Structures are given as structure tokens and as C-alpha cells.
């Protein structure tokens, strides 16, 4: 009597890279933040700035643009913790409200820049050929021009305002984001699942969204954090030079420009916005560095 043969178990298909990357992205990000002290500290600093900016009307009884000339150039005291500026406006109030402007414009500009740069970088890596060559040569030409010169030309030609600043930052930052994202996407394009998607006749947009982007989302996140810190400094520099926010907008760079002549009389009027700007940039840089090391993202290699 022959022994009964048990049927072999059916092979379990291996999960695709697409589903693994997209399904665990949020969980992996949370584990990374918990395991990386620099990332956790940096994100905590940014979160504090965000909460203060959102709760600004509840944190101070003063108006950020209305002052009292009889209380001009006062030092720190019980009524004005950081003193007043030359127009009698509460310095701490303007710093708190200045975070709204800095975060609002910076996040908007960075989101648009990262979205456009990611699409162009992935498209260049996927399509290749003449499109990749032409696009990269155009971007190289843009990158050869000093960033501050491009900013000043655009702002001088189109005027000041949040929309113009966002446009100018996009012109400067998109080429850099495209190079980094393209470098990351070039490592994904030769993979089997991308080849299979092409064989199925999927469109370039479908392949980008389903196959490529989920596998480079860590690079995109690190680039967002690093680019945001650079954008915050750039916006403040423009305001300091007189090409950014218009007075009496509560902007950190504009505050330093307005109060630098009275720094020996009321030093906090200049130091307070500098401290706020420095802590926000440090927080963004810590978050970017922590995420980059935890995820093994080499921004220099990706952008080469």
C-alpha cells in the first residue's frame, strides 16, 4: 500500500514593493521619530513653533501692528515681557505673530516646490532620453545663477507679496529638488515591478504614483524638511533687505531691519526675532538630519 502524499502547500506570493512601501510609510515614520533623538527633538521644536503661531491671539492681549507712541522703546517689564519697538508695539506679540507669516509662507512655498520638483524628477527618470537631457540642461542653467540674484530680479519685476515670494522660491528651489528626486528615482526605475508595470501598459503617471513615489517617499520627506529650513532663512533675508513682507507686517526679518538702529537701546527688539528664527531653523535641520540618518538617505549621492 503506497503512502499517501500530502499536497505541497501553495506558494505565498511575496508582497510587492509598492504595497510594502505605501502601507507601512506612516508606521515607519513614527518608529523613526521615536528611535532618532535628533529627529524627535527637531520635530518637537517645530511643533512648539506651530502651536504658538496658531494660538497667537490667545497668548497675547496686544495687536501686532498697532502701537502706542507713548510706550515706544521700553525695556522688558511686567506689561511688555520683551519690551516695545520704536513705534510702541509689543515685541513679543510681533514675534509670536511673525511665526504665522514665517510658517505660512515657508510651508506653502516648500509644499509647492517639493510637489513640482518630485513630479518633474520622477518624470525625467522614468521617461529618460531627450526629455531628461533637455530638462536637466535647463535646470543646470537656472542653478548656475546665484539664488539671491534670481530672487531680487523676480521681486523687483513683479513686486512684493506672498504670491511673488512663493513664485520666486519655486524658481530657485525646484531645480535642486528635481536633481535630488531624480537621483533617487533612477535607482527605482530598473526594478522588476516598474518593468512589469510598463509591460502592462500603465501610463507614466500611474507608474510614478503607484510604483516609484512610494519607494522614494523617505527622500522626499527629508528633502522637504531640509528645504523648509532654507526657505525660512531666505524669506527672512528678503524681508531684512526690504524685498519681502511690507510694513507693518509682523515678520522676523523685517523686525530685525526695523529695530537694528536701536539695538543698543532695546536689544530684545532685534534679538527676540533672531532667537525665534534660529530655533525654527535648528528644529527643521535636526528633523532633516535625524530622518536622513535613520532612513539612510544620502542627499549628496541622490543629487549627484
C-alpha atoms as a PDB file:
ATOM      1  CA  UNK A   1       0.000   0.000   0.000  1.00  0.00           C
ATOM      2  CA  UNK A   2       1.514   3.254  -1.141  1.00  0.00           C
ATOM      3  CA  UNK A   3       1.882   6.061   1.301  1.00  0.00           C
ATOM      4  CA  UNK A   4      -0.484   8.942   0.928  1.00  0.00           C
ATOM      5  CA  UNK A   5       1.195  12.020  -0.490  1.00  0.00           C
ATOM      6  CA  UNK A   6       0.285  15.248   1.188  1.00  0.00           C
ATOM      7  CA  UNK A   7      -0.132  18.065  -1.262  1.00  0.00           C
ATOM      8  CA  UNK A   8       2.580  20.669  -1.183  1.00  0.00           C
ATOM      9  CA  UNK A   9       1.471  23.978   0.246  1.00  0.00           C
ATOM     10  CA  UNK A  10       0.735  26.625  -2.315  1.00  0.00           C
ATOM     11  CA  UNK A  11       3.482  29.236  -2.572  1.00  0.00           C
ATOM     12  CA  UNK A  12       2.653  32.503  -0.913  1.00  0.00           C
ATOM     13  CA  UNK A  13       3.264  35.408  -3.258  1.00  0.00           C
ATOM     14  CA  UNK A  14       5.764  37.889  -1.962  1.00  0.00           C
ATOM     15  CA  UNK A  15       4.355  41.313  -1.230  1.00  0.00           C
ATOM     16  CA  UNK A  16       5.153  43.873  -3.865  1.00  0.00           C
ATOM     17  CA  UNK A  17       7.498  46.700  -3.085  1.00  0.00           C
ATOM     18  CA  UNK A  18       4.669  49.065  -3.811  1.00  0.00           C
ATOM     19  CA  UNK A  19       2.323  47.725  -1.152  1.00  0.00           C
ATOM     20  CA  UNK A  20       5.098  47.378   1.409  1.00  0.00           C
ATOM     21  CA  UNK A  21       6.302  50.916   0.888  1.00  0.00           C
ATOM     22  CA  UNK A  22       2.907  52.572   0.908  1.00  0.00           C
ATOM     23  CA  UNK A  23       1.259  50.507   3.631  1.00  0.00           C
ATOM     24  CA  UNK A  24       3.942  50.967   6.264  1.00  0.00           C
ATOM     25  CA  UNK A  25       5.077  54.513   5.432  1.00  0.00           C
ATOM     26  CA  UNK A  26       3.287  56.154   8.338  1.00  0.00           C
ATOM     27  CA  UNK A  27       4.248  53.426  10.820  1.00  0.00           C
ATOM     28  CA  UNK A  28       7.868  53.509   9.687  1.00  0.00           C
ATOM     29  CA  UNK A  29       7.970  57.279  10.022  1.00  0.00           C
ATOM     30  CA  UNK A  30       6.624  57.073  13.571  1.00  0.00           C
ATOM     31  CA  UNK A  31       9.167  54.388  14.516  1.00  0.00           C
ATOM     32  CA  UNK A  32      11.920  56.530  13.047  1.00  0.00           C
ATOM     33  CA  UNK A  33      10.902  59.568  15.068  1.00  0.00           C
ATOM     34  CA  UNK A  34      10.790  57.502  18.259  1.00  0.00           C
ATOM     35  CA  UNK A  35      14.180  55.899  17.613  1.00  0.00           C
ATOM     36  CA  UNK A  36      16.013  59.023  16.421  1.00  0.00           C
ATOM     37  CA  UNK A  37      16.614  61.591  19.147  1.00  0.00           C
ATOM     38  CA  UNK A  38      17.644  64.418  16.754  1.00  0.00           C
ATOM     39  CA  UNK A  39      14.508  63.890  14.674  1.00  0.00           C
ATOM     40  CA  UNK A  40      12.295  63.831  17.766  1.00  0.00           C
ATOM     41  CA  UNK A  41      13.875  66.989  19.210  1.00  0.00           C
ATOM     42  CA  UNK A  42      13.698  68.797  15.877  1.00  0.00           C
ATOM     43  CA  UNK A  43      10.056  67.910  15.262  1.00  0.00           C
ATOM     44  CA  UNK A  44       9.206  68.901  18.846  1.00  0.00           C
ATOM     45  CA  UNK A  45      10.769  72.349  18.323  1.00  0.00           C
ATOM     46  CA  UNK A  46       8.852  72.807  15.072  1.00  0.00           C
ATOM     47  CA  UNK A  47       5.644  71.662  16.781  1.00  0.00           C
ATOM     48  CA  UNK A  48       6.121  74.257  19.540  1.00  0.00           C
ATOM     49  CA  UNK A  49       6.521  76.994  16.917  1.00  0.00           C
ATOM     50  CA  UNK A  50       3.413  75.759  15.124  1.00  0.00           C
ATOM     51  CA  UNK A  51       1.290  75.693  18.288  1.00  0.00           C
ATOM     52  CA  UNK A  52       2.456  79.182  19.318  1.00  0.00           C
ATOM     53  CA  UNK A  53       1.646  80.546  15.851  1.00  0.00           C
ATOM     54  CA  UNK A  54      -1.825  79.002  15.837  1.00  0.00           C
ATOM     55  CA  UNK A  55      -2.638  80.203  19.358  1.00  0.00           C
ATOM     56  CA  UNK A  56      -1.164  83.679  18.888  1.00  0.00           C
ATOM     57  CA  UNK A  57      -4.430  85.590  19.521  1.00  0.00           C
ATOM     58  CA  UNK A  58      -4.863  83.732  22.819  1.00  0.00           C
ATOM     59  CA  UNK A  59      -1.301  84.199  24.037  1.00  0.00           C
ATOM     60  CA  UNK A  60      -1.042  87.987  23.920  1.00  0.00           C
ATOM     61  CA  UNK A  61      -3.507  90.829  24.539  1.00  0.00           C
ATOM     62  CA  UNK A  62      -1.768  93.252  22.170  1.00  0.00           C
ATOM     63  CA  UNK A  63      -2.259  93.873  18.472  1.00  0.00           C
ATOM     64  CA  UNK A  64       0.774  93.022  16.305  1.00  0.00           C
ATOM     65  CA  UNK A  65       0.580  96.128  14.081  1.00  0.00           C
ATOM     66  CA  UNK A  66      -0.964  98.787  16.343  1.00  0.00           C
ATOM     67  CA  UNK A  67       1.364 100.625  18.708  1.00  0.00           C
ATOM     68  CA  UNK A  68       1.330 103.378  21.297  1.00  0.00           C
ATOM     69  CA  UNK A  69       3.889 106.127  20.704  1.00  0.00           C
ATOM     70  CA  UNK A  70       3.926 106.983  24.397  1.00  0.00           C
ATOM     71  CA  UNK A  71       5.278 103.478  25.136  1.00  0.00           C
ATOM     72  CA  UNK A  72       7.989 103.384  22.467  1.00  0.00           C
ATOM     73  CA  UNK A  73      11.400 101.847  23.158  1.00  0.00           C
ATOM     74  CA  UNK A  74      10.509 100.377  26.527  1.00  0.00           C
ATOM     75  CA  UNK A  75      12.659  97.672  28.036  1.00  0.00           C
ATOM     76  CA  UNK A  76      11.355  94.312  29.238  1.00  0.00           C
ATOM     77  CA  UNK A  77       8.839  94.639  32.047  1.00  0.00           C
ATOM     78  CA  UNK A  78       5.664  93.220  33.547  1.00  0.00           C
ATOM     79  CA  UNK A  79       3.448  94.690  30.813  1.00  0.00           C
ATOM     80  CA  UNK A  80       5.805  94.040  27.909  1.00  0.00           C
ATOM     81  CA  UNK A  81       7.944  90.975  28.556  1.00  0.00           C
ATOM     82  CA  UNK A  82      10.290  91.677  25.638  1.00  0.00           C
ATOM     83  CA  UNK A  83       9.845  95.447  25.562  1.00  0.00           C
ATOM     84  CA  UNK A  84       8.458  97.597  22.757  1.00  0.00           C
ATOM     85  CA  UNK A  85       9.859  98.805  19.468  1.00  0.00           C
ATOM     86  CA  UNK A  86      10.271 102.349  18.149  1.00  0.00           C
ATOM     87  CA  UNK A  87       6.578 102.547  17.298  1.00  0.00           C
ATOM     88  CA  UNK A  88       5.389 101.373  20.708  1.00  0.00           C
ATOM     89  CA  UNK A  89       4.378  97.884  19.516  1.00  0.00           C
ATOM     90  CA  UNK A  90       4.843  94.923  21.826  1.00  0.00           C
ATOM     91  CA  UNK A  91       7.889  92.989  20.639  1.00  0.00           C
ATOM     92  CA  UNK A  92       6.789  89.598  21.949  1.00  0.00           C
ATOM     93  CA  UNK A  93       3.416  89.958  20.223  1.00  0.00           C
ATOM     94  CA  UNK A  94       5.072  90.671  16.898  1.00  0.00           C
ATOM     95  CA  UNK A  95       7.427  87.720  17.352  1.00  0.00           C
ATOM     96  CA  UNK A  96       4.511  85.391  18.084  1.00  0.00           C
ATOM     97  CA  UNK A  97       2.508  86.620  15.101  1.00  0.00           C
ATOM     98  CA  UNK A  98       5.670  86.607  12.987  1.00  0.00           C
ATOM     99  CA  UNK A  99       5.719  82.839  13.308  1.00  0.00           C
ATOM    100  CA  UNK A 100       2.407  82.743  11.458  1.00  0.00           C
ATOM    101  CA  UNK A 101       3.859  84.581   8.494  1.00  0.00           C
ATOM    102  CA  UNK A 102       7.120  82.630   8.508  1.00  0.00           C
ATOM    103  CA  UNK A 103       5.461  79.217   8.757  1.00  0.00           C
ATOM    104  CA  UNK A 104       2.581  80.054   6.429  1.00  0.00           C
ATOM    105  CA  UNK A 105       4.653  81.358   3.534  1.00  0.00           C
ATOM    106  CA  UNK A 106       7.506  78.890   4.060  1.00  0.00           C
ATOM    107  CA  UNK A 107       5.311  75.787   4.241  1.00  0.00           C
ATOM    108  CA  UNK A 108       3.246  76.901   1.233  1.00  0.00           C
ATOM    109  CA  UNK A 109       6.328  77.610  -0.859  1.00  0.00           C
ATOM    110  CA  UNK A 110       8.039  74.396   0.214  1.00  0.00           C
ATOM    111  CA  UNK A 111       4.975  72.224  -0.472  1.00  0.00           C
ATOM    112  CA  UNK A 112       4.593  73.648  -3.983  1.00  0.00           C
ATOM    113  CA  UNK A 113       8.318  73.315  -4.620  1.00  0.00           C
ATOM    114  CA  UNK A 114       8.526  69.721  -3.398  1.00  0.00           C
ATOM    115  CA  UNK A 115       5.375  68.664  -5.304  1.00  0.00           C
ATOM    116  CA  UNK A 116       6.521  70.162  -8.601  1.00  0.00           C
ATOM    117  CA  UNK A 117      10.117  69.020  -8.172  1.00  0.00           C
ATOM    118  CA  UNK A 118       9.031  65.466  -7.307  1.00  0.00           C
ATOM    119  CA  UNK A 119       6.804  65.177 -10.378  1.00  0.00           C
ATOM    120  CA  UNK A 120       9.468  66.561 -12.712  1.00  0.00           C
ATOM    121  CA  UNK A 121      12.259  64.472 -11.174  1.00  0.00           C
ATOM    122  CA  UNK A 122      10.278  61.233 -11.383  1.00  0.00           C
ATOM    123  CA  UNK A 123       9.114  62.012 -14.929  1.00  0.00           C
ATOM    124  CA  UNK A 124      12.696  62.684 -16.048  1.00  0.00           C
ATOM    125  CA  UNK A 125      13.887  59.411 -14.515  1.00  0.00           C
ATOM    126  CA  UNK A 126      11.004  57.394 -15.992  1.00  0.00           C
ATOM    127  CA  UNK A 127      10.974  58.841 -19.483  1.00  0.00           C
ATOM    128  CA  UNK A 128      14.703  59.362 -19.889  1.00  0.00           C
ATOM    129  CA  UNK A 129      16.001  60.149 -23.369  1.00  0.00           C
ATOM    130  CA  UNK A 130      15.700  63.642 -24.780  1.00  0.00           C
ATOM    131  CA  UNK A 131      13.261  64.781 -22.097  1.00  0.00           C
ATOM    132  CA  UNK A 132      15.758  64.001 -19.348  1.00  0.00           C
ATOM    133  CA  UNK A 133      18.632  65.653 -21.225  1.00  0.00           C
ATOM    134  CA  UNK A 134      16.738  68.849 -22.096  1.00  0.00           C
ATOM    135  CA  UNK A 135      15.193  69.208 -18.635  1.00  0.00           C
ATOM    136  CA  UNK A 136      18.471  68.726 -16.800  1.00  0.00           C
ATOM    137  CA  UNK A 137      20.329  71.197 -19.027  1.00  0.00           C
ATOM    138  CA  UNK A 138      17.657  73.836 -18.394  1.00  0.00           C
ATOM    139  CA  UNK A 139      17.847  73.224 -14.664  1.00  0.00           C
ATOM    140  CA  UNK A 140      21.644  73.394 -14.745  1.00  0.00           C
ATOM    141  CA  UNK A 141      21.370  76.821 -16.379  1.00  0.00           C
ATOM    142  CA  UNK A 142      18.996  78.027 -13.658  1.00  0.00           C
ATOM    143  CA  UNK A 143      21.242  76.641 -10.901  1.00  0.00           C
ATOM    144  CA  UNK A 144      24.249  78.485 -12.335  1.00  0.00           C
ATOM    145  CA  UNK A 145      22.650  81.834 -11.404  1.00  0.00           C
ATOM    146  CA  UNK A 146      23.080  82.950  -7.770  1.00  0.00           C
ATOM    147  CA  UNK A 147      19.865  82.390  -5.848  1.00  0.00           C
ATOM    148  CA  UNK A 148      19.723  85.818  -4.226  1.00  0.00           C
ATOM    149  CA  UNK A 149      20.149  87.449  -7.658  1.00  0.00           C
ATOM    150  CA  UNK A 150      17.210  85.497  -9.077  1.00  0.00           C
ATOM    151  CA  UNK A 151      15.105  86.451  -6.074  1.00  0.00           C
ATOM    152  CA  UNK A 152      15.891  90.141  -6.355  1.00  0.00           C
ATOM    153  CA  UNK A 153      15.181  90.196 -10.098  1.00  0.00           C
ATOM    154  CA  UNK A 154      11.800  88.486  -9.703  1.00  0.00           C
ATOM    155  CA  UNK A 155      10.726  90.609  -6.726  1.00  0.00           C
ATOM    156  CA  UNK A 156      11.874  93.818  -8.427  1.00  0.00           C
ATOM    157  CA  UNK A 157       9.986  92.969 -11.616  1.00  0.00           C
ATOM    158  CA  UNK A 158       6.765  91.636 -10.071  1.00  0.00           C
ATOM    159  CA  UNK A 159       6.665  93.492  -6.755  1.00  0.00           C
ATOM    160  CA  UNK A 160       6.478  92.241  -3.207  1.00  0.00           C
ATOM    161  CA  UNK A 161       3.832  89.999  -1.702  1.00  0.00           C
ATOM    162  CA  UNK A 162       3.400  86.423  -0.551  1.00  0.00           C
ATOM    163  CA  UNK A 163       2.455  85.149  -4.013  1.00  0.00           C
ATOM    164  CA  UNK A 164       5.535  86.658  -5.638  1.00  0.00           C
ATOM    165  CA  UNK A 165       7.794  85.262  -2.899  1.00  0.00           C
ATOM    166  CA  UNK A 166       6.334  81.774  -3.352  1.00  0.00           C
ATOM    167  CA  UNK A 167       6.893  82.035  -7.127  1.00  0.00           C
ATOM    168  CA  UNK A 168      10.477  83.229  -6.676  1.00  0.00           C
ATOM    169  CA  UNK A 169      11.293  80.455  -4.229  1.00  0.00           C
ATOM    170  CA  UNK A 170       9.810  77.912  -6.625  1.00  0.00           C
ATOM    171  CA  UNK A 171      12.048  79.109  -9.448  1.00  0.00           C
ATOM    172  CA  UNK A 172      15.117  78.762  -7.226  1.00  0.00           C
ATOM    173  CA  UNK A 173      14.338  75.553  -5.344  1.00  0.00           C
ATOM    174  CA  UNK A 174      12.563  73.370  -7.926  1.00  0.00           C
ATOM    175  CA  UNK A 175      15.777  72.623  -9.900  1.00  0.00           C
ATOM    176  CA  UNK A 176      17.516  71.453  -6.717  1.00  0.00           C
ATOM    177  CA  UNK A 177      14.587  69.245  -5.709  1.00  0.00           C
ATOM    178  CA  UNK A 178      14.398  67.770  -9.227  1.00  0.00           C
ATOM    179  CA  UNK A 179      18.048  66.706  -9.095  1.00  0.00           C
ATOM    180  CA  UNK A 180      17.665  65.001  -5.703  1.00  0.00           C
ATOM    181  CA  UNK A 181      14.391  63.233  -6.565  1.00  0.00           C
ATOM    182  CA  UNK A 182      15.636  62.209  -9.993  1.00  0.00           C
ATOM    183  CA  UNK A 183      18.715  60.619  -8.426  1.00  0.00           C
ATOM    184  CA  UNK A 184      16.522  58.609  -6.061  1.00  0.00           C
ATOM    185  CA  UNK A 185      14.069  57.628  -8.802  1.00  0.00           C
ATOM    186  CA  UNK A 186      16.842  56.390 -11.103  1.00  0.00           C
ATOM    187  CA  UNK A 187      17.563  53.657  -8.548  1.00  0.00           C
ATOM    188  CA  UNK A 188      13.908  52.545  -8.614  1.00  0.00           C
ATOM    189  CA  UNK A 189      13.191  52.656 -12.355  1.00  0.00           C
ATOM    190  CA  UNK A 190      15.227  49.495 -13.249  1.00  0.00           C
ATOM    191  CA  UNK A 191      13.360  47.379 -10.666  1.00  0.00           C
ATOM    192  CA  UNK A 192      11.226  44.463 -11.805  1.00  0.00           C
ATOM    193  CA  UNK A 193       7.936  45.878 -10.554  1.00  0.00           C
ATOM    194  CA  UNK A 194       8.436  49.016 -12.652  1.00  0.00           C
ATOM    195  CA  UNK A 195       9.260  46.885 -15.684  1.00  0.00           C
ATOM    196  CA  UNK A 196       6.143  44.802 -15.076  1.00  0.00           C
ATOM    197  CA  UNK A 197       4.001  47.938 -14.822  1.00  0.00           C
ATOM    198  CA  UNK A 198       5.370  49.137 -18.139  1.00  0.00           C
ATOM    199  CA  UNK A 199       4.668  45.755 -19.701  1.00  0.00           C
ATOM    200  CA  UNK A 200       1.046  46.018 -18.529  1.00  0.00           C
ATOM    201  CA  UNK A 201       0.773  49.267 -20.438  1.00  0.00           C
ATOM    202  CA  UNK A 202       0.322  51.543 -17.421  1.00  0.00           C
ATOM    203  CA  UNK A 203       0.739  55.264 -18.004  1.00  0.00           C
ATOM    204  CA  UNK A 204       3.732  57.224 -16.802  1.00  0.00           C
ATOM    205  CA  UNK A 205       1.597  58.962 -14.163  1.00  0.00           C
ATOM    206  CA  UNK A 206       0.265  55.635 -12.859  1.00  0.00           C
ATOM    207  CA  UNK A 207       3.771  54.175 -12.605  1.00  0.00           C
ATOM    208  CA  UNK A 208       5.017  57.306 -10.855  1.00  0.00           C
ATOM    209  CA  UNK A 209       2.168  57.283  -8.347  1.00  0.00           C
ATOM    210  CA  UNK A 210       1.974  53.542  -7.642  1.00  0.00           C
ATOM    211  CA  UNK A 211       5.487  52.217  -8.119  1.00  0.00           C
ATOM    212  CA  UNK A 212       8.121  54.974  -7.909  1.00  0.00           C
ATOM    213  CA  UNK A 213       6.845  57.537  -5.414  1.00  0.00           C
ATOM    214  CA  UNK A 214       6.100  55.075  -2.551  1.00  0.00           C
ATOM    215  CA  UNK A 215       9.694  53.849  -2.758  1.00  0.00           C
ATOM    216  CA  UNK A 216      11.319  57.295  -2.592  1.00  0.00           C
ATOM    217  CA  UNK A 217       8.971  58.883  -0.059  1.00  0.00           C
ATOM    218  CA  UNK A 218      11.755  58.910   2.551  1.00  0.00           C
ATOM    219  CA  UNK A 219      13.938  61.014   0.243  1.00  0.00           C
ATOM    220  CA  UNK A 220      11.033  63.388  -0.395  1.00  0.00           C
ATOM    221  CA  UNK A 221      10.348  63.815   3.339  1.00  0.00           C
ATOM    222  CA  UNK A 222      13.985  64.567   4.144  1.00  0.00           C
ATOM    223  CA  UNK A 223      14.169  66.993   1.242  1.00  0.00           C
ATOM    224  CA  UNK A 224      11.036  68.769   2.488  1.00  0.00           C
ATOM    225  CA  UNK A 225      12.481  69.316   5.961  1.00  0.00           C
ATOM    226  CA  UNK A 226      15.850  70.464   4.657  1.00  0.00           C
ATOM    227  CA  UNK A 227      14.328  72.705   2.008  1.00  0.00           C
ATOM    228  CA  UNK A 228      11.895  74.267   4.507  1.00  0.00           C
ATOM    229  CA  UNK A 229      14.739  75.438   6.745  1.00  0.00           C
ATOM    230  CA  UNK A 230      16.453  77.058   3.771  1.00  0.00           C
ATOM    231  CA  UNK A 231      13.216  78.734   2.662  1.00  0.00           C
ATOM    232  CA  UNK A 232      12.588  80.195   6.137  1.00  0.00           C
ATOM    233  CA  UNK A 233      16.027  81.824   6.080  1.00  0.00           C
ATOM    234  CA  UNK A 234      15.521  83.041   2.523  1.00  0.00           C
ATOM    235  CA  UNK A 235      12.191  84.704   3.297  1.00  0.00           C
ATOM    236  CA  UNK A 236      13.619  86.426   6.363  1.00  0.00           C
ATOM    237  CA  UNK A 237      16.622  87.611   4.351  1.00  0.00           C
ATOM    238  CA  UNK A 238      14.335  89.121   1.725  1.00  0.00           C
ATOM    239  CA  UNK A 239      12.333  90.936   4.384  1.00  0.00           C
ATOM    240  CA  UNK A 240      15.521  92.224   6.003  1.00  0.00           C
ATOM    241  CA  UNK A 241      16.653  93.651   2.655  1.00  0.00           C
ATOM    242  CA  UNK A 242      13.270  95.290   2.096  1.00  0.00           C
ATOM    243  CA  UNK A 243      12.020  92.961  -0.642  1.00  0.00           C
ATOM    244  CA  UNK A 244       9.809  90.695   1.448  1.00  0.00           C
ATOM    245  CA  UNK A 245       6.955  91.486   3.794  1.00  0.00           C
ATOM    246  CA  UNK A 246       5.614  95.027   3.694  1.00  0.00           C
ATOM    247  CA  UNK A 247       5.464  97.068   6.919  1.00  0.00           C
ATOM    248  CA  UNK A 248       3.814  96.775   9.374  1.00  0.00           C
ATOM    249  CA  UNK A 249       3.549  93.007   8.748  1.00  0.00           C
ATOM    250  CA  UNK A 250       4.934  91.075  11.744  1.00  0.00           C
ATOM    251  CA  UNK A 251       7.862  89.331  10.053  1.00  0.00           C
ATOM    252  CA  UNK A 252      11.066  88.305  11.795  1.00  0.00           C
ATOM    253  CA  UNK A 253      13.415  89.612   9.121  1.00  0.00           C
ATOM    254  CA  UNK A 254      11.521  92.892   8.888  1.00  0.00           C
ATOM    255  CA  UNK A 255      11.624  93.268  12.678  1.00  0.00           C
ATOM    256  CA  UNK A 256      15.401  92.946  12.699  1.00  0.00           C
ATOM    257  CA  UNK A 257      15.680  95.501   9.903  1.00  0.00           C
ATOM    258  CA  UNK A 258      13.389  97.996  11.628  1.00  0.00           C
ATOM    259  CA  UNK A 259      14.996  97.740  15.076  1.00  0.00           C
ATOM    260  CA  UNK A 260      18.681  97.290  14.283  1.00  0.00           C
ATOM    261  CA  UNK A 261      19.350 101.023  14.653  1.00  0.00           C
ATOM    262  CA  UNK A 262      18.032 100.920  18.228  1.00  0.00           C
ATOM    263  CA  UNK A 263      19.737  97.679  19.239  1.00  0.00           C
ATOM    264  CA  UNK A 264      21.734  99.428  21.968  1.00  0.00           C
ATOM    265  CA  UNK A 265      18.548 100.899  23.469  1.00  0.00           C
ATOM    266  CA  UNK A 266      16.142  97.945  23.187  1.00  0.00           C
ATOM    267  CA  UNK A 267      18.251  94.923  22.217  1.00  0.00           C
ATOM    268  CA  UNK A 268      15.349  92.482  22.618  1.00  0.00           C
ATOM    269  CA  UNK A 269      13.518  94.134  19.721  1.00  0.00           C
ATOM    270  CA  UNK A 270      16.197  92.667  17.443  1.00  0.00           C
ATOM    271  CA  UNK A 271      17.294  89.645  19.456  1.00  0.00           C
ATOM    272  CA  UNK A 272      13.809  88.181  20.003  1.00  0.00           C
ATOM    273  CA  UNK A 273      13.049  87.618  16.276  1.00  0.00           C
ATOM    274  CA  UNK A 274      16.599  86.338  15.741  1.00  0.00           C
ATOM    275  CA  UNK A 275      16.129  83.771  18.509  1.00  0.00           C
ATOM    276  CA  UNK A 276      12.767  82.704  17.088  1.00  0.00           C
ATOM    277  CA  UNK A 277      14.221  82.328  13.590  1.00  0.00           C
ATOM    278  CA  UNK A 278      17.262  80.431  14.848  1.00  0.00           C
ATOM    279  CA  UNK A 279      15.258  77.945  16.895  1.00  0.00           C
ATOM    280  CA  UNK A 280      12.892  77.203  13.997  1.00  0.00           C
ATOM    281  CA  UNK A 281      15.769  76.637  11.564  1.00  0.00           C
ATOM    282  CA  UNK A 282      17.623  74.468  14.087  1.00  0.00           C
ATOM    283  CA  UNK A 283      14.482  72.392  14.627  1.00  0.00           C
ATOM    284  CA  UNK A 284      13.990  71.832  10.908  1.00  0.00           C
ATOM    285  CA  UNK A 285      17.657  70.936  10.428  1.00  0.00           C
ATOM    286  CA  UNK A 286      17.607  68.494  13.338  1.00  0.00           C
ATOM    287  CA  UNK A 287      14.495  66.836  11.931  1.00  0.00           C
ATOM    288  CA  UNK A 288      16.044  66.572   8.471  1.00  0.00           C
ATOM    289  CA  UNK A 289      19.367  65.207   9.749  1.00  0.00           C
ATOM    290  CA  UNK A 290      17.686  62.732  12.099  1.00  0.00           C
ATOM    291  CA  UNK A 291      15.354  61.382   9.429  1.00  0.00           C
ATOM    292  CA  UNK A 292      18.177  61.252   6.891  1.00  0.00           C
ATOM    293  CA  UNK A 293      20.435  59.176   9.163  1.00  0.00           C
ATOM    294  CA  UNK A 294      17.609  56.922  10.342  1.00  0.00           C
ATOM    295  CA  UNK A 295      16.421  56.182   6.804  1.00  0.00           C
ATOM    296  CA  UNK A 296      19.894  56.045   5.274  1.00  0.00           C
ATOM    297  CA  UNK A 297      19.218  58.864   2.830  1.00  0.00           C
ATOM    298  CA  UNK A 298      22.351  60.362   1.295  1.00  0.00           C
ATOM    299  CA  UNK A 299      21.235  63.694  -0.173  1.00  0.00           C
ATOM    300  CA  UNK A 300      24.642  64.319  -1.779  1.00  0.00           C
ATOM    301  CA  UNK A 301      24.577  60.989  -3.595  1.00  0.00           C
ATOM    302  CA  UNK A 302      20.932  61.360  -4.599  1.00  0.00           C
ATOM    303  CA  UNK A 303      21.548  64.781  -6.089  1.00  0.00           C
ATOM    304  CA  UNK A 304      24.677  63.822  -7.989  1.00  0.00           C
END
